[in-house]
Protein backbone atom coordinates (compact mmCIF):
# COMPACT_ATOMS: atom_id res chain seq x y z
CA MET A 1 39.06 8.52 -18.20
CA ASP A 2 37.55 8.45 -14.88
CA ILE A 3 38.82 8.09 -11.45
CA GLU A 4 37.52 7.71 -8.20
CA VAL A 5 39.55 7.65 -5.24
CA LEU A 6 37.42 8.92 -2.81
CA GLY A 7 36.12 5.62 -1.02
CA PRO A 8 36.62 2.16 -3.12
CA LEU A 9 39.10 2.43 -6.15
CA CYS A 10 37.24 3.06 -9.53
CA VAL A 11 39.13 3.83 -12.54
CA ARG A 12 36.80 3.67 -15.62
CA ILE A 13 37.47 3.85 -19.37
CA ASN A 14 34.78 4.09 -21.77
CA ASP A 15 32.73 2.80 -18.59
CA GLY A 16 34.98 -0.17 -18.47
CA SER A 17 36.74 -0.40 -15.30
CA ILE A 18 40.80 -0.79 -15.29
CA VAL A 19 40.72 -1.93 -11.42
CA PRO A 20 42.52 -5.49 -10.96
CA ARG A 21 41.38 -7.91 -8.67
CA ALA A 22 44.61 -8.45 -7.26
CA GLY A 23 46.00 -6.26 -4.31
CA LYS A 24 49.71 -5.92 -5.14
CA PRO A 25 48.57 -4.39 -8.61
CA ARG A 26 45.90 -2.44 -7.15
CA GLN A 27 47.96 -0.64 -5.26
CA LEU A 28 50.07 0.41 -8.47
CA LEU A 29 47.15 1.74 -10.10
CA ALA A 30 46.18 3.49 -7.20
CA LEU A 31 49.24 5.20 -6.87
CA LEU A 32 49.70 5.95 -10.45
CA ALA A 33 45.54 6.76 -10.77
CA LEU A 34 46.29 9.43 -7.69
CA ARG A 35 49.16 11.04 -10.05
CA ALA A 36 47.70 10.72 -13.13
CA GLY A 37 49.58 12.98 -15.67
CA ARG A 38 52.72 12.92 -13.99
CA MET A 39 55.64 10.27 -13.80
CA VAL A 40 55.83 8.07 -11.07
CA PRO A 41 59.43 7.00 -10.05
CA VAL A 42 60.10 2.82 -10.26
CA SER A 43 61.58 3.39 -6.74
CA THR A 44 58.34 5.36 -5.79
CA LEU A 45 56.49 2.31 -7.40
CA MET A 46 58.60 -0.44 -5.23
CA ASP A 47 58.78 1.26 -2.25
CA GLU A 48 54.82 1.32 -2.14
CA ILE A 49 54.57 -2.31 -2.97
CA TRP A 50 56.90 -4.04 -1.46
CA GLY A 51 58.60 -1.09 1.49
CA ASP A 52 61.80 -2.31 2.87
CA ARG A 53 61.46 -5.68 1.64
CA ILE A 54 61.74 -4.96 -2.18
CA PRO A 55 62.83 -8.54 -3.89
CA ARG A 56 65.31 -8.91 -6.36
CA SER A 57 62.48 -10.15 -8.72
CA ALA A 58 61.05 -6.69 -7.95
CA PRO A 59 61.82 -5.29 -11.76
CA THR A 60 60.84 -8.03 -13.53
CA THR A 61 57.62 -8.42 -11.54
CA LEU A 62 56.24 -4.57 -11.45
CA GLN A 63 56.93 -4.56 -14.85
CA THR A 64 53.94 -7.98 -14.79
CA TYR A 65 51.80 -5.90 -12.78
CA VAL A 66 52.10 -3.27 -15.32
CA LEU A 67 51.61 -5.10 -18.38
CA GLN A 68 48.29 -6.35 -16.22
CA LEU A 69 46.71 -3.15 -16.28
CA ARG A 70 47.43 -2.33 -20.17
CA ARG A 71 45.83 -6.15 -20.53
CA LEU A 72 42.63 -4.32 -19.10
CA ILE A 73 43.41 -0.92 -20.43
CA GLY A 74 43.22 -2.63 -23.70
CA ASP A 75 39.69 -4.34 -22.90
CA ALA A 76 38.22 -1.11 -22.01
CA LEU A 77 39.61 1.23 -24.55
CA PRO A 78 36.84 1.55 -27.76
CA THR A 79 37.55 -0.35 -30.66
CA ASP A 80 38.02 2.32 -33.00
CA SER A 81 40.27 4.29 -30.49
CA PRO A 82 43.41 5.88 -31.44
CA LEU A 83 44.80 5.34 -28.04
CA THR A 84 46.86 2.16 -27.27
CA PRO A 85 47.05 0.58 -23.73
CA LYS A 86 50.84 1.93 -23.59
CA ASP A 87 49.87 5.36 -24.69
CA VAL A 88 47.34 5.31 -21.75
CA LEU A 89 50.13 3.89 -18.82
CA THR A 90 53.11 4.96 -20.82
CA THR A 91 56.44 4.11 -20.07
CA HIS A 92 59.47 6.54 -19.43
CA PHE A 93 63.17 6.96 -18.38
CA GLY A 94 63.02 4.65 -14.68
CA SER A 95 59.00 6.25 -14.29
CA TYR A 96 55.78 5.36 -15.58
CA GLN A 97 52.72 7.63 -16.45
CA LEU A 98 49.11 7.17 -16.33
CA ASN A 99 47.39 9.62 -18.46
CA ALA A 100 44.49 10.20 -21.29
CA PRO A 101 42.94 12.74 -23.38
CA ALA A 102 40.78 13.88 -20.37
CA VAL A 103 40.89 12.23 -16.68
CA THR A 104 38.62 13.47 -14.54
CA CYS A 105 39.37 12.87 -10.50
CA ASP A 106 37.24 13.32 -7.64
CA ALA A 107 40.21 13.64 -5.08
CA ASN A 108 40.86 16.96 -7.44
CA THR A 109 37.20 18.21 -7.65
CA PHE A 110 37.18 17.96 -4.45
CA LYS A 111 40.55 20.11 -3.77
CA ASP A 112 39.26 22.92 -6.65
CA MET A 113 35.48 23.28 -4.93
CA SER A 114 36.89 23.55 -1.31
CA ALA A 115 39.76 26.37 -3.07
CA ALA A 116 36.16 28.05 -4.30
CA ALA A 117 34.64 27.79 -1.35
CA GLY A 118 37.27 29.76 0.36
CA GLU A 119 37.35 32.04 -2.61
CA ALA A 120 33.43 32.56 -2.20
CA LEU A 121 34.21 32.97 2.14
CA ALA A 122 36.52 35.12 1.13
CA ARG A 123 34.07 37.67 -0.50
CA GLY A 124 31.58 37.59 2.43
CA ASP A 125 29.45 35.22 0.46
CA ASP A 126 28.85 32.48 3.64
CA ALA A 127 26.02 30.68 2.11
CA ARG A 128 27.21 29.95 -1.20
CA ALA A 129 30.93 28.70 0.53
CA SER A 130 28.83 26.51 2.76
CA TRP A 131 26.53 25.37 -0.11
CA MET A 132 29.85 24.55 -2.44
CA LEU A 133 31.76 22.33 0.69
CA GLY A 134 28.92 20.54 0.88
CA GLU A 135 28.92 20.01 -2.69
CA ALA A 136 32.53 18.95 -1.98
CA LEU A 137 32.22 16.82 0.54
CA ALA A 138 29.38 14.49 -0.87
CA LEU A 139 31.83 13.72 -3.63
CA TRP A 140 33.36 11.11 -0.80
CA ARG A 141 31.78 7.86 -0.72
CA GLY A 142 33.89 6.72 2.77
CA ALA A 143 37.11 6.39 3.82
CA ALA A 144 39.87 7.07 0.60
CA LEU A 145 41.05 4.13 -1.00
CA ALA A 146 39.00 2.32 1.48
CA ASP A 147 39.50 -1.34 -0.72
CA VAL A 148 43.20 -1.00 -1.67
CA PRO A 149 45.50 -2.28 0.51
CA ALA A 150 47.73 0.75 0.99
CA GLY A 151 52.12 0.87 1.77
CA ARG A 152 53.30 3.59 3.62
CA VAL A 153 53.46 5.74 0.16
CA LEU A 154 49.91 5.63 -0.19
CA GLU A 155 49.34 5.97 3.65
CA THR A 156 50.77 9.24 3.40
CA GLU A 157 48.21 10.12 0.05
CA VAL A 158 45.35 8.69 2.38
CA LEU A 159 46.58 10.74 4.73
CA GLY A 160 46.83 14.41 2.97
CA LEU A 161 43.14 13.44 1.62
CA ASP A 162 41.70 12.52 5.00
CA GLU A 163 42.84 16.03 6.76
CA GLN A 164 41.70 17.98 3.46
CA GLN A 165 38.03 16.65 4.34
CA THR A 166 38.19 17.50 7.95
CA ARG A 167 39.47 20.65 7.22
CA ALA A 168 36.17 21.09 4.86
CA ARG A 169 33.94 19.56 6.92
CA GLU A 170 34.86 21.75 10.27
CA LEU A 171 34.98 24.66 8.16
CA ARG A 172 31.67 24.07 6.82
CA ILE A 173 30.06 23.88 10.25
CA GLU A 174 31.81 26.89 11.26
CA ILE A 175 29.63 28.69 8.23
CA ASP A 176 26.73 26.98 9.34
CA LEU A 177 27.03 28.09 13.06
CA ARG A 178 27.52 31.22 11.75
CA LEU A 179 24.58 30.99 9.42
CA GLY A 180 22.40 30.25 12.78
CA ARG A 181 21.81 26.53 11.58
CA HIS A 182 22.55 24.97 14.48
CA ASN A 183 19.56 22.86 14.60
CA GLU A 184 20.12 20.95 10.90
CA ILE A 185 23.68 20.14 12.10
CA LEU A 186 23.24 18.83 15.47
CA GLY A 187 22.68 15.45 14.30
CA GLU A 188 26.38 15.76 12.69
CA LEU A 189 27.81 17.32 15.24
CA LEU A 190 26.51 14.08 17.40
CA MET A 191 28.14 11.67 15.64
CA LEU A 192 31.13 13.17 14.20
CA THR A 193 32.21 13.75 18.39
CA ALA A 194 31.37 10.26 19.72
CA GLN A 195 33.45 9.05 16.44
CA ARG A 196 36.18 11.74 17.39
CA PRO A 197 36.16 11.99 21.13
CA LEU A 198 38.88 13.75 21.96
CA ASP A 199 38.48 16.68 19.05
CA GLU A 200 38.17 19.69 21.29
CA ASN A 201 36.66 21.83 17.82
CA LEU A 202 34.37 19.58 17.19
CA CYS A 203 33.06 19.45 20.54
CA GLY A 204 33.01 23.49 21.35
CA HIS A 205 30.68 23.48 17.95
CA LEU A 206 28.48 20.54 19.23
CA MET A 207 28.21 22.74 22.66
CA THR A 208 27.85 26.41 21.00
CA ALA A 209 24.71 24.11 18.51
CA LEU A 210 23.67 22.79 21.38
CA HIS A 211 23.54 26.08 23.70
CA ARG A 212 21.89 27.54 20.46
CA ALA A 213 18.96 25.21 20.26
CA GLY A 214 18.17 25.72 23.52
CA HIS A 215 19.64 22.29 25.06
CA THR A 216 22.12 23.81 27.64
CA TRP A 217 22.45 21.26 29.96
CA ARG A 218 23.46 18.73 27.29
CA ALA A 219 26.01 21.35 26.37
CA LEU A 220 27.05 21.19 29.91
CA GLU A 221 27.17 17.74 29.66
CA ALA A 222 29.09 17.09 26.03
CA PHE A 223 31.77 19.64 28.47
CA GLN A 224 32.05 17.14 31.26
CA ARG A 225 32.35 14.23 28.71
CA LEU A 226 35.25 15.48 26.58
CA ARG A 227 37.03 16.43 30.13
CA THR A 228 36.11 13.28 31.49
CA THR A 229 38.11 11.24 28.12
CA LEU A 230 40.98 14.19 27.89
CA VAL A 231 42.09 13.46 31.64
CA ASP A 232 41.30 9.91 31.63
CA GLU A 233 43.10 9.55 27.94
CA LEU A 234 45.87 12.01 28.07
CA GLY A 235 45.88 13.41 31.57
CA VAL A 236 45.29 17.11 30.52
CA GLU A 237 42.08 19.42 30.84
CA PRO A 238 40.13 20.83 28.24
CA SER A 239 41.91 23.88 26.30
CA ALA A 240 41.35 27.60 27.75
CA ARG A 241 39.24 28.53 24.81
CA VAL A 242 36.38 25.86 25.54
CA GLN A 243 37.15 26.25 29.10
CA ARG A 244 35.75 29.53 28.19
CA LEU A 245 32.82 28.92 26.43
CA HIS A 246 31.86 26.14 29.26
CA GLN A 247 31.77 29.38 31.49
CA HIS A 248 29.99 31.09 28.28
CA VAL A 249 27.10 28.85 28.54
CA LEU A 250 27.19 27.91 32.26
CA GLY A 251 26.29 31.46 32.73
CA GLY A 252 23.68 31.04 30.44
CA ARG A 253 24.52 33.73 27.71
CA PRO A 254 23.65 33.63 24.33
CA ILE A 255 26.25 32.83 21.71
CA PRO A 256 26.76 35.68 19.60
CA GLN A 257 26.04 34.43 15.85
CA GLY A 258 29.27 34.76 14.58
CA ARG A 259 30.78 33.29 17.22
CA ALA A 260 31.93 29.52 18.08
CA ALA A 261 34.58 27.40 19.62
């Protein structure tokens, strides 16, 4: 079973999709897929699908959604498979579980590669850490579960995935700045700071990259843009760390390769 959640939901068995078209069954599959191999309580599934407005018919309706998923699983299983749909989507006391003999999930691969990058970084192998983080980030095909109507359970899961992506991207940028790759990441930093104009870390990285690339006036302009946005939106000044970087750039002093905001 191949599961992809770092983008539109995709769950395949034997190259056959088992993703339903309807929203609520799709929610059900998404949550089961994210927790593949683990039992998911019926109460959690109901909370995801209906929130605080669980109808009396919810148990029966949930069973109907499970039957729909099992029908799709049955269509995707090879004719000579020893498994039945109930083996793949199993029922336990008060819970359901999605499992198969071999399950791959892009979210798990992303986490494993990010962890391996951290180990490479701890060994002092910055180049390998950057490469592995780049490969991990390349697994993302858009926003996590982009085509699934998320309830509060899936929203929490998606927030966690998004935070992991953000941390991995910022760490890779920090490493690339240490490696002197400021020119290579300028375009990415310009795009990210435009998307997240209140993010001081990203602005600091952009200022560092611009200054090292010889665009000091653009680095100062990036700081002023950040300051204006922070004051207008939040009524606060940039952090002392970013202001120190601003003074560093303003003085025209080179920023050492090992230092960035």
